[in-house]
Amino acid sequence: MSPVTIAELSYGVEAAATADIRQKRVAALERLKRKPVLIIDENTGVVFGSLASALRKAGRSGDYRIQDLWIASQTVQHGFALLTLNRKDFEDIPGLTIL
């Protein structure tokens, strides 16, 4: 689990339109917070820089998708595959395996 994912899900809790949606999101977030959390370290930063540069060189700016790039950087750094429902947000990131 990436701390960036926790941040995005926490935002979703706060932005919930109704109390029912908020309650469901809180429950899901609490379940996910039980998972081990990866550390963002200097190696993550190196991978991030490399991915952001590759996207820019390919004509696909990463400026608007910083959070996704941090998540992808941790995934690539650790040799994991990314499980996401937002496949289109990650498909063009080089070296990233998506499930």
PDB file of N, CA and C in Angstrom:
ATOM      1  N   MET A   1       0.845  -1.167   0.000  1.00  0.00           N
ATOM      2  CA  MET A   1       0.000   0.000   0.000  1.00  0.00           C
ATOM      3  C   MET A   1       0.894   1.235   0.000  1.00  0.00           C
ATOM      4  N   SER A   2       0.567   2.159  -0.837  1.00  0.00           N
ATOM      5  CA  SER A   2       1.309   3.408  -0.896  1.00  0.00           C
ATOM      6  C   SER A   2       0.671   4.440   0.030  1.00  0.00           C
ATOM      7  N   PRO A   3       1.479   5.251   0.705  1.00  0.00           N
ATOM      8  CA  PRO A   3       0.904   6.324   1.505  1.00  0.00           C
ATOM      9  C   PRO A   3       0.151   7.331   0.630  1.00  0.00           C
ATOM     10  N   VAL A   4       0.496   7.393  -0.642  1.00  0.00           N
ATOM     11  CA  VAL A   4      -0.206   8.283  -1.561  1.00  0.00           C
ATOM     12  C   VAL A   4      -1.635   7.777  -1.783  1.00  0.00           C
ATOM     13  N   THR A   5      -1.796   6.474  -1.854  1.00  0.00           N
ATOM     14  CA  THR A   5      -3.133   5.890  -1.976  1.00  0.00           C
ATOM     15  C   THR A   5      -3.962   6.212  -0.739  1.00  0.00           C
ATOM     16  N   ILE A   6      -3.348   6.104   0.429  1.00  0.00           N
ATOM     17  CA  ILE A   6      -4.047   6.447   1.673  1.00  0.00           C
ATOM     18  C   ILE A   6      -4.488   7.915   1.630  1.00  0.00           C
ATOM     19  N   ALA A   7      -3.621   8.791   1.149  1.00  0.00           N
ATOM     20  CA  ALA A   7      -3.961  10.213   1.045  1.00  0.00           C
ATOM     21  C   ALA A   7      -5.147  10.436   0.108  1.00  0.00           C
ATOM     22  N   GLU A   8      -5.119   9.778  -1.050  1.00  0.00           N
ATOM     23  CA  GLU A   8      -6.218   9.939  -2.006  1.00  0.00           C
ATOM     24  C   GLU A   8      -7.536   9.418  -1.435  1.00  0.00           C
ATOM     25  N   LEU A   9      -7.481   8.279  -0.759  1.00  0.00           N
ATOM     26  CA  LEU A   9      -8.700   7.718  -0.172  1.00  0.00           C
ATOM     27  C   LEU A   9      -9.198   8.571   0.996  1.00  0.00           C
ATOM     28  N   SER A  10      -8.292   9.148   1.754  1.00  0.00           N
ATOM     29  CA  SER A  10      -8.681  10.043   2.849  1.00  0.00           C
ATOM     30  C   SER A  10      -9.379  11.280   2.297  1.00  0.00           C
ATOM     31  N   TYR A  11      -8.872  11.786   1.202  1.00  0.00           N
ATOM     32  CA  TYR A  11      -9.535  12.909   0.537  1.00  0.00           C
ATOM     33  C   TYR A  11     -10.954  12.508   0.125  1.00  0.00           C
ATOM     34  N   GLY A  12     -11.086  11.308  -0.418  1.00  0.00           N
ATOM     35  CA  GLY A  12     -12.407  10.822  -0.827  1.00  0.00           C
ATOM     36  C   GLY A  12     -13.382  10.741   0.333  1.00  0.00           C
ATOM     37  N   VAL A  13     -12.882  10.375   1.513  1.00  0.00           N
ATOM     38  CA  VAL A  13     -13.737  10.347   2.705  1.00  0.00           C
ATOM     39  C   VAL A  13     -14.244  11.754   2.991  1.00  0.00           C
ATOM     40  N   GLU A  14     -13.333  12.708   2.995  1.00  0.00           N
ATOM     41  CA  GLU A  14     -13.699  14.093   3.325  1.00  0.00           C
ATOM     42  C   GLU A  14     -14.602  14.727   2.274  1.00  0.00           C
ATOM     43  N   ALA A  15     -14.471  14.286   1.030  1.00  0.00           N
ATOM     44  CA  ALA A  15     -15.240  14.874  -0.065  1.00  0.00           C
ATOM     45  C   ALA A  15     -16.570  14.167  -0.317  1.00  0.00           C
ATOM     46  N   ALA A  16     -16.896  13.169   0.490  1.00  0.00           N
ATOM     47  CA  ALA A  16     -18.133  12.401   0.278  1.00  0.00           C
ATOM     48  C   ALA A  16     -19.357  13.314   0.286  1.00  0.00           C
ATOM     49  N   ALA A  17     -20.256  13.061  -0.647  1.00  0.00           N
ATOM     50  CA  ALA A  17     -21.447  13.898  -0.797  1.00  0.00           C
ATOM     51  C   ALA A  17     -22.510  13.621   0.265  1.00  0.00           C
ATOM     52  N   THR A  18     -22.509  12.400   0.801  1.00  0.00           N
ATOM     53  CA  THR A  18     -23.523  12.053   1.799  1.00  0.00           C
ATOM     54  C   THR A  18     -22.867  11.306   2.958  1.00  0.00           C
ATOM     55  N   ALA A  19     -23.574  11.255   4.072  1.00  0.00           N
ATOM     56  CA  ALA A  19     -23.071  10.536   5.249  1.00  0.00           C
ATOM     57  C   ALA A  19     -22.934   9.043   4.953  1.00  0.00           C
ATOM     58  N   ASP A  20     -23.844   8.495   4.157  1.00  0.00           N
ATOM     59  CA  ASP A  20     -23.791   7.075   3.812  1.00  0.00           C
ATOM     60  C   ASP A  20     -22.539   6.757   3.002  1.00  0.00           C
ATOM     61  N   ILE A  21     -22.251   7.579   2.005  1.00  0.00           N
ATOM     62  CA  ILE A  21     -21.053   7.377   1.191  1.00  0.00           C
ATOM     63  C   ILE A  21     -19.808   7.546   2.057  1.00  0.00           C
ATOM     64  N   ARG A  22     -19.817   8.547   2.909  1.00  0.00           N
ATOM     65  CA  ARG A  22     -18.667   8.784   3.795  1.00  0.00           C
ATOM     66  C   ARG A  22     -18.416   7.559   4.676  1.00  0.00           C
ATOM     67  N   GLN A  23     -19.465   7.007   5.248  1.00  0.00           N
ATOM     68  CA  GLN A  23     -19.334   5.838   6.129  1.00  0.00           C
ATOM     69  C   GLN A  23     -18.740   4.650   5.373  1.00  0.00           C
ATOM     70  N   LYS A  24     -19.192   4.423   4.150  1.00  0.00           N
ATOM     71  CA  LYS A  24     -18.656   3.324   3.342  1.00  0.00           C
ATOM     72  C   LYS A  24     -17.186   3.547   3.018  1.00  0.00           C
ATOM     73  N   ARG A  25     -16.840   4.777   2.704  1.00  0.00           N
ATOM     74  CA  ARG A  25     -15.449   5.085   2.384  1.00  0.00           C
ATOM     75  C   ARG A  25     -14.552   4.960   3.610  1.00  0.00           C
ATOM     76  N   VAL A  26     -15.039   5.384   4.762  1.00  0.00           N
ATOM     77  CA  VAL A  26     -14.272   5.247   6.006  1.00  0.00           C
ATOM     78  C   VAL A  26     -14.000   3.773   6.276  1.00  0.00           C
ATOM     79  N   ALA A  27     -15.016   2.932   6.121  1.00  0.00           N
ATOM     80  CA  ALA A  27     -14.854   1.499   6.376  1.00  0.00           C
ATOM     81  C   ALA A  27     -13.817   0.891   5.426  1.00  0.00           C
ATOM     82  N   ALA A  28     -13.887   1.260   4.156  1.00  0.00           N
ATOM     83  CA  ALA A  28     -12.927   0.742   3.180  1.00  0.00           C
ATOM     84  C   ALA A  28     -11.515   1.229   3.500  1.00  0.00           C
ATOM     85  N   LEU A  29     -11.393   2.488   3.854  1.00  0.00           N
ATOM     86  CA  LEU A  29     -10.085   3.045   4.195  1.00  0.00           C
ATOM     87  C   LEU A  29      -9.493   2.351   5.417  1.00  0.00           C
ATOM     88  N   GLU A  30     -10.302   2.113   6.418  1.00  0.00           N
ATOM     89  CA  GLU A  30      -9.811   1.438   7.624  1.00  0.00           C
ATOM     90  C   GLU A  30      -9.315   0.023   7.318  1.00  0.00           C
ATOM     91  N   ARG A  31     -10.006  -0.677   6.421  1.00  0.00           N
ATOM     92  CA  ARG A  31      -9.554  -2.018   6.021  1.00  0.00           C
ATOM     93  C   ARG A  31      -8.200  -1.938   5.319  1.00  0.00           C
ATOM     94  N   LEU A  32      -8.057  -0.981   4.418  1.00  0.00           N
ATOM     95  CA  LEU A  32      -6.812  -0.856   3.659  1.00  0.00           C
ATOM     96  C   LEU A  32      -5.652  -0.382   4.529  1.00  0.00           C
ATOM     97  N   LYS A  33      -5.933   0.394   5.550  1.00  0.00           N
ATOM     98  CA  LYS A  33      -4.875   0.888   6.431  1.00  0.00           C
ATOM     99  C   LYS A  33      -4.243  -0.229   7.260  1.00  0.00           C
ATOM    100  N   ARG A  34      -4.843  -1.396   7.263  1.00  0.00           N
ATOM    101  CA  ARG A  34      -4.264  -2.545   7.960  1.00  0.00           C
ATOM    102  C   ARG A  34      -3.145  -3.203   7.144  1.00  0.00           C
ATOM    103  N   LYS A  35      -3.054  -2.849   5.876  1.00  0.00           N
ATOM    104  CA  LYS A  35      -2.037  -3.415   4.986  1.00  0.00           C
ATOM    105  C   LYS A  35      -0.692  -2.739   5.254  1.00  0.00           C
ATOM    106  N   PRO A  36       0.403  -3.449   4.964  1.00  0.00           N
ATOM    107  CA  PRO A  36       1.718  -2.816   5.099  1.00  0.00           C
ATOM    108  C   PRO A  36       1.831  -1.607   4.164  1.00  0.00           C
ATOM    109  N   VAL A  37       2.486  -0.568   4.639  1.00  0.00           N
ATOM    110  CA  VAL A  37       2.635   0.669   3.867  1.00  0.00           C
ATOM    111  C   VAL A  37       4.090   0.805   3.423  1.00  0.00           C
ATOM    112  N   LEU A  38       4.268   1.062   2.141  1.00  0.00           N
ATOM    113  CA  LEU A  38       5.605   1.276   1.590  1.00  0.00           C
ATOM    114  C   LEU A  38       6.123   2.656   1.988  1.00  0.00           C
ATOM    115  N   ILE A  39       7.432   2.757   2.106  1.00  0.00           N
ATOM    116  CA  ILE A  39       8.082   4.025   2.418  1.00  0.00           C
ATOM    117  C   ILE A  39       8.462   4.725   1.118  1.00  0.00           C
ATOM    118  N   ILE A  40       8.251   6.026   1.056  1.00  0.00           N
ATOM    119  CA  ILE A  40       8.766   6.819  -0.050  1.00  0.00           C
ATOM    120  C   ILE A  40      10.162   7.258   0.362  1.00  0.00           C
ATOM    121  N   ASP A  41      11.173   6.795  -0.385  1.00  0.00           N
ATOM    122  CA  ASP A  41      12.558   7.101  -0.031  1.00  0.00           C
ATOM    123  C   ASP A  41      13.280   7.695  -1.241  1.00  0.00           C
ATOM    124  N   GLU A  42      14.602   7.834  -1.117  1.00  0.00           N
ATOM    125  CA  GLU A  42      15.372   8.442  -2.201  1.00  0.00           C
ATOM    126  C   GLU A  42      15.299   7.626  -3.478  1.00  0.00           C
ATOM    127  N   ASN A  43      15.211   6.310  -3.368  1.00  0.00           N
ATOM    128  CA  ASN A  43      15.093   5.472  -4.563  1.00  0.00           C
ATOM    129  C   ASN A  43      13.754   5.695  -5.257  1.00  0.00           C
ATOM    130  N   THR A  44      12.711   5.906  -4.478  1.00  0.00           N
ATOM    131  CA  THR A  44      11.405   6.224  -5.057  1.00  0.00           C
ATOM    132  C   THR A  44      11.513   7.520  -5.853  1.00  0.00           C
ATOM    133  N   GLY A  45      12.228   8.486  -5.291  1.00  0.00           N
ATOM    134  CA  GLY A  45      12.413   9.768  -5.976  1.00  0.00           C
ATOM    135  C   GLY A  45      13.148   9.622  -7.294  1.00  0.00           C
ATOM    136  N   VAL A  46      14.144   8.759  -7.328  1.00  0.00           N
ATOM    137  CA  VAL A  46      14.896   8.516  -8.568  1.00  0.00           C
ATOM    138  C   VAL A  46      13.976   7.891  -9.615  1.00  0.00           C
ATOM    139  N   VAL A  47      13.196   6.905  -9.218  1.00  0.00           N
ATOM    140  CA  VAL A  47      12.257   6.260 -10.155  1.00  0.00           C
ATOM    141  C   VAL A  47      11.233   7.282 -10.639  1.00  0.00           C
ATOM    142  N   PHE A  48      10.717   8.102  -9.717  1.00  0.00           N
ATOM    143  CA  PHE A  48       9.745   9.131 -10.073  1.00  0.00           C
ATOM    144  C   PHE A  48      10.324  10.064 -11.143  1.00  0.00           C
ATOM    145  N   GLY A  49      11.542  10.547 -10.917  1.00  0.00           N
ATOM    146  CA  GLY A  49      12.166  11.448 -11.883  1.00  0.00           C
ATOM    147  C   GLY A  49      12.313  10.807 -13.250  1.00  0.00           C
ATOM    148  N   SER A  50      12.695   9.555 -13.259  1.00  0.00           N
ATOM    149  CA  SER A  50      12.865   8.827 -14.511  1.00  0.00           C
ATOM    150  C   SER A  50      11.533   8.669 -15.249  1.00  0.00           C
ATOM    151  N   LEU A  51      10.490   8.286 -14.517  1.00  0.00           N
ATOM    152  CA  LEU A  51       9.176   8.104 -15.152  1.00  0.00           C
ATOM    153  C   LEU A  51       8.613   9.428 -15.657  1.00  0.00           C
ATOM    154  N   ALA A  52       8.722  10.477 -14.850  1.00  0.00           N
ATOM    155  CA  ALA A  52       8.198  11.789 -15.253  1.00  0.00           C
ATOM    156  C   ALA A  52       8.927  12.285 -16.499  1.00  0.00           C
ATOM    157  N   SER A  53      10.241  12.079 -16.548  1.00  0.00           N
ATOM    158  CA  SER A  53      11.024  12.494 -17.713  1.00  0.00           C
ATOM    159  C   SER A  53      10.629  11.696 -18.953  1.00  0.00           C
ATOM    160  N   ALA A  54      10.455  10.390 -18.791  1.00  0.00           N
ATOM    161  CA  ALA A  54      10.057   9.545 -19.928  1.00  0.00           C
ATOM    162  C   ALA A  54       8.704   9.974 -20.481  1.00  0.00           C
ATOM    163  N   LEU A  55       7.775  10.306 -19.606  1.00  0.00           N
ATOM    164  CA  LEU A  55       6.456  10.750 -20.065  1.00  0.00           C
ATOM    165  C   LEU A  55       6.559  12.081 -20.805  1.00  0.00           C
ATOM    166  N   ARG A  56       7.353  12.997 -20.271  1.00  0.00           N
ATOM    167  CA  ARG A  56       7.514  14.302 -20.919  1.00  0.00           C
ATOM    168  C   ARG A  56       8.153  14.127 -22.296  1.00  0.00           C
ATOM    169  N   LYS A  57       9.191  13.304 -22.397  1.00  0.00           N
ATOM    170  CA  LYS A  57       9.865  13.061 -23.683  1.00  0.00           C
ATOM    171  C   LYS A  57       8.916  12.436 -24.697  1.00  0.00           C
ATOM    172  N   ALA A  58       7.951  11.650 -24.200  1.00  0.00           N
ATOM    173  CA  ALA A  58       6.966  11.011 -25.085  1.00  0.00           C
ATOM    174  C   ALA A  58       5.809  11.956 -25.415  1.00  0.00           C
ATOM    175  N   GLY A  59       5.885  13.200 -24.898  1.00  0.00           N
ATOM    176  CA  GLY A  59       4.836  14.182 -25.184  1.00  0.00           C
ATOM    177  C   GLY A  59       3.621  14.060 -24.295  1.00  0.00           C
ATOM    178  N   ARG A  60       3.758  13.333 -23.207  1.00  0.00           N
ATOM    179  CA  ARG A  60       2.648  13.151 -22.268  1.00  0.00           C
ATOM    180  C   ARG A  60       3.070  13.714 -20.917  1.00  0.00           C
ATOM    181  N   SER A  61       2.688  14.925 -20.685  1.00  0.00           N
ATOM    182  CA  SER A  61       3.086  15.592 -19.444  1.00  0.00           C
ATOM    183  C   SER A  61       2.520  14.873 -18.235  1.00  0.00           C
ATOM    184  N   GLY A  62       3.308  14.787 -17.185  1.00  0.00           N
ATOM    185  CA  GLY A  62       2.866  14.173 -15.942  1.00  0.00           C
ATOM    186  C   GLY A  62       2.463  15.205 -14.908  1.00  0.00           C
ATOM    187  N   ASP A  63       2.445  16.485 -15.297  1.00  0.00           N
ATOM    188  CA  ASP A  63       2.200  17.557 -14.338  1.00  0.00           C
ATOM    189  C   ASP A  63       0.867  17.423 -13.610  1.00  0.00           C
ATOM    190  N   TYR A  64      -0.151  16.989 -14.287  1.00  0.00           N
ATOM    191  CA  TYR A  64      -1.482  16.910 -13.687  1.00  0.00           C
ATOM    192  C   TYR A  64      -1.716  15.593 -12.955  1.00  0.00           C
ATOM    193  N   ARG A  65      -0.786  14.703 -12.992  1.00  0.00           N
ATOM    194  CA  ARG A  65      -0.997  13.377 -12.423  1.00  0.00           C
ATOM    195  C   ARG A  65       0.112  12.968 -11.461  1.00  0.00           C
ATOM    196  N   ILE A  66       0.538  13.904 -10.676  1.00  0.00           N
ATOM    197  CA  ILE A  66       1.643  13.689  -9.754  1.00  0.00           C
ATOM    198  C   ILE A  66       1.367  12.520  -8.810  1.00  0.00           C
ATOM    199  N   GLN A  67       0.171  12.449  -8.247  1.00  0.00           N
ATOM    200  CA  GLN A  67      -0.143  11.364  -7.309  1.00  0.00           C
ATOM    201  C   GLN A  67      -0.011   9.999  -7.992  1.00  0.00           C
ATOM    202  N   ASP A  68      -0.526   9.898  -9.213  1.00  0.00           N
ATOM    203  CA  ASP A  68      -0.429   8.630  -9.938  1.00  0.00           C
ATOM    204  C   ASP A  68       1.026   8.256 -10.196  1.00  0.00           C
ATOM    205  N   LEU A  69       1.853   9.244 -10.480  1.00  0.00           N
ATOM    206  CA  LEU A  69       3.268   8.967 -10.725  1.00  0.00           C
ATOM    207  C   LEU A  69       3.986   8.496  -9.464  1.00  0.00           C
ATOM    208  N   TRP A  70       3.625   9.040  -8.314  1.00  0.00           N
ATOM    209  CA  TRP A  70       4.225   8.543  -7.062  1.00  0.00           C
ATOM    210  C   TRP A  70       3.828   7.089  -6.812  1.00  0.00           C
ATOM    211  N   ILE A  71       2.562   6.779  -7.023  1.00  0.00           N
ATOM    212  CA  ILE A  71       2.101   5.398  -6.840  1.00  0.00           C
ATOM    213  C   ILE A  71       2.814   4.473  -7.820  1.00  0.00           C
ATOM    214  N   ALA A  72       2.901   4.885  -9.079  1.00  0.00           N
ATOM    215  CA  ALA A  72       3.591   4.082 -10.091  1.00  0.00           C
ATOM    216  C   ALA A  72       5.067   3.925  -9.739  1.00  0.00           C
ATOM    217  N   SER A  73       5.681   4.972  -9.238  1.00  0.00           N
ATOM    218  CA  SER A  73       7.105   4.915  -8.873  1.00  0.00           C
ATOM    219  C   SER A  73       7.361   3.874  -7.801  1.00  0.00           C
ATOM    220  N   GLN A  74       6.516   3.839  -6.795  1.00  0.00           N
ATOM    221  CA  GLN A  74       6.685   2.830  -5.751  1.00  0.00           C
ATOM    222  C   GLN A  74       6.454   1.432  -6.300  1.00  0.00           C
ATOM    223  N   THR A  75       5.497   1.292  -7.172  1.00  0.00           N
ATOM    224  CA  THR A  75       5.194  -0.009  -7.762  1.00  0.00           C
ATOM    225  C   THR A  75       6.373  -0.513  -8.581  1.00  0.00           C
ATOM    226  N   VAL A  76       6.913   0.340  -9.439  1.00  0.00           N
ATOM    227  CA  VAL A  76       8.065  -0.039 -10.267  1.00  0.00           C
ATOM    228  C   VAL A  76       9.288  -0.297  -9.380  1.00  0.00           C
ATOM    229  N   GLN A  77       9.528   0.580  -8.420  1.00  0.00           N
ATOM    230  CA  GLN A  77      10.686   0.449  -7.538  1.00  0.00           C
ATOM    231  C   GLN A  77      10.752  -0.927  -6.875  1.00  0.00           C
ATOM    232  N   HIS A  78       9.615  -1.412  -6.433  1.00  0.00           N
ATOM    233  CA  HIS A  78       9.575  -2.672  -5.695  1.00  0.00           C
ATOM    234  C   HIS A  78       9.273  -3.890  -6.573  1.00  0.00           C
ATOM    235  N   GLY A  79       9.109  -3.661  -7.878  1.00  0.00           N
ATOM    236  CA  GLY A  79       8.859  -4.770  -8.791  1.00  0.00           C
ATOM    237  C   GLY A  79       7.483  -5.386  -8.624  1.00  0.00           C
ATOM    238  N   PHE A  80       6.535  -4.579  -8.172  1.00  0.00           N
ATOM    239  CA  PHE A  80       5.169  -5.059  -7.981  1.00  0.00           C
ATOM    240  C   PHE A  80       4.334  -4.798  -9.232  1.00  0.00           C
ATOM    241  N   ALA A  81       3.156  -5.375  -9.267  1.00  0.00           N
ATOM    242  CA  ALA A  81       2.145  -5.041 -10.269  1.00  0.00           C
ATOM    243  C   ALA A  81       1.114  -4.151  -9.579  1.00  0.00           C
ATOM    244  N   LEU A  82       0.562  -3.223 -10.325  1.00  0.00           N
ATOM    245  CA  LEU A  82      -0.414  -2.282  -9.780  1.00  0.00           C
ATOM    246  C   LEU A  82      -1.828  -2.806 -10.011  1.00  0.00           C
ATOM    247  N   LEU A  83      -2.583  -2.892  -8.952  1.00  0.00           N
ATOM    248  CA  LEU A  83      -3.991  -3.260  -9.035  1.00  0.00           C
ATOM    249  C   LEU A  83      -4.797  -1.974  -8.975  1.00  0.00           C
ATOM    250  N   THR A  84      -5.528  -1.666 -10.030  1.00  0.00           N
ATOM    251  CA  THR A  84      -6.275  -0.412 -10.095  1.00  0.00           C
ATOM    252  C   THR A  84      -7.557  -0.584 -10.892  1.00  0.00           C
ATOM    253  N   LEU A  85      -8.534   0.228 -10.561  1.00  0.00           N
ATOM    254  CA  LEU A  85      -9.755   0.314 -11.355  1.00  0.00           C
ATOM    255  C   LEU A  85      -9.651   1.460 -12.359  1.00  0.00           C
ATOM    256  N   ASN A  86      -8.576   2.230 -12.268  1.00  0.00           N
ATOM    257  CA  ASN A  86      -8.346   3.373 -13.163  1.00  0.00           C
ATOM    258  C   ASN A  86      -7.192   3.078 -14.120  1.00  0.00           C
ATOM    259  N   ARG A  87      -7.322   2.006 -14.825  1.00  0.00           N
ATOM    260  CA  ARG A  87      -6.267   1.537 -15.734  1.00  0.00           C
ATOM    261  C   ARG A  87      -5.780   2.631 -16.677  1.00  0.00           C
ATOM    262  N   LYS A  88      -6.697   3.417 -17.222  1.00  0.00           N
ATOM    263  CA  LYS A  88      -6.332   4.441 -18.203  1.00  0.00           C
ATOM    264  C   LYS A  88      -5.381   5.489 -17.630  1.00  0.00           C
ATOM    265  N   ASP A  89      -5.410   5.682 -16.312  1.00  0.00           N
ATOM    266  CA  ASP A  89      -4.523   6.656 -15.677  1.00  0.00           C
ATOM    267  C   ASP A  89      -3.076   6.185 -15.615  1.00  0.00           C
ATOM    268  N   PHE A  90      -2.851   4.905 -15.841  1.00  0.00           N
ATOM    269  CA  PHE A  90      -1.517   4.332 -15.654  1.00  0.00           C
ATOM    270  C   PHE A  90      -0.951   3.648 -16.897  1.00  0.00           C
ATOM    271  N   GLU A  91      -1.773   3.444 -17.925  1.00  0.00           N
ATOM    272  CA  GLU A  91      -1.373   2.615 -19.071  1.00  0.00           C
ATOM    273  C   GLU A  91      -0.122   3.102 -19.790  1.00  0.00           C
ATOM    274  N   ASP A  92       0.134   4.388 -19.798  1.00  0.00           N
ATOM    275  CA  ASP A  92       1.264   4.905 -20.568  1.00  0.00           C
ATOM    276  C   ASP A  92       2.554   5.042 -19.745  1.00  0.00           C
ATOM    277  N   ILE A  93       2.551   4.582 -18.521  1.00  0.00           N
ATOM    278  CA  ILE A  93       3.739   4.714 -17.675  1.00  0.00           C
ATOM    279  C   ILE A  93       4.689   3.559 -17.970  1.00  0.00           C
ATOM    280  N   PRO A  94       5.899   3.883 -18.423  1.00  0.00           N
ATOM    281  CA  PRO A  94       6.836   2.843 -18.837  1.00  0.00           C
ATOM    282  C   PRO A  94       7.297   1.976 -17.662  1.00  0.00           C
ATOM    283  N   GLY A  95       7.366   0.671 -17.925  1.00  0.00           N
ATOM    284  CA  GLY A  95       7.862  -0.263 -16.922  1.00  0.00           C
ATOM    285  C   GLY A  95       6.856  -0.664 -15.864  1.00  0.00           C
ATOM    286  N   LEU A  96       5.639  -0.185 -15.963  1.00  0.00           N
ATOM    287  CA  LEU A  96       4.610  -0.466 -14.965  1.00  0.00           C
ATOM    288  C   LEU A  96       3.737  -1.624 -15.435  1.00  0.00           C
ATOM    289  N   THR A  97       3.611  -2.630 -14.576  1.00  0.00           N
ATOM    290  CA  THR A  97       2.709  -3.755 -14.852  1.00  0.00           C
ATOM    291  C   THR A  97       1.394  -3.478 -14.143  1.00  0.00           C
ATOM    292  N   ILE A  98       0.311  -3.584 -14.886  1.00  0.00           N
ATOM    293  CA  ILE A  98      -1.016  -3.287 -14.349  1.00  0.00           C
ATOM    294  C   ILE A  98      -1.868  -4.561 -14.356  1.00  0.00           C
ATOM    295  N   LEU A  99      -2.546  -4.804 -13.239  1.00  0.00           N
ATOM    296  CA  LEU A  99      -3.476  -5.936 -13.162  1.00  0.00           C
ATOM    297  C   LEU A  99      -4.889  -5.441 -13.281  1.00  0.00           C
TER     298      LEU A  99
END
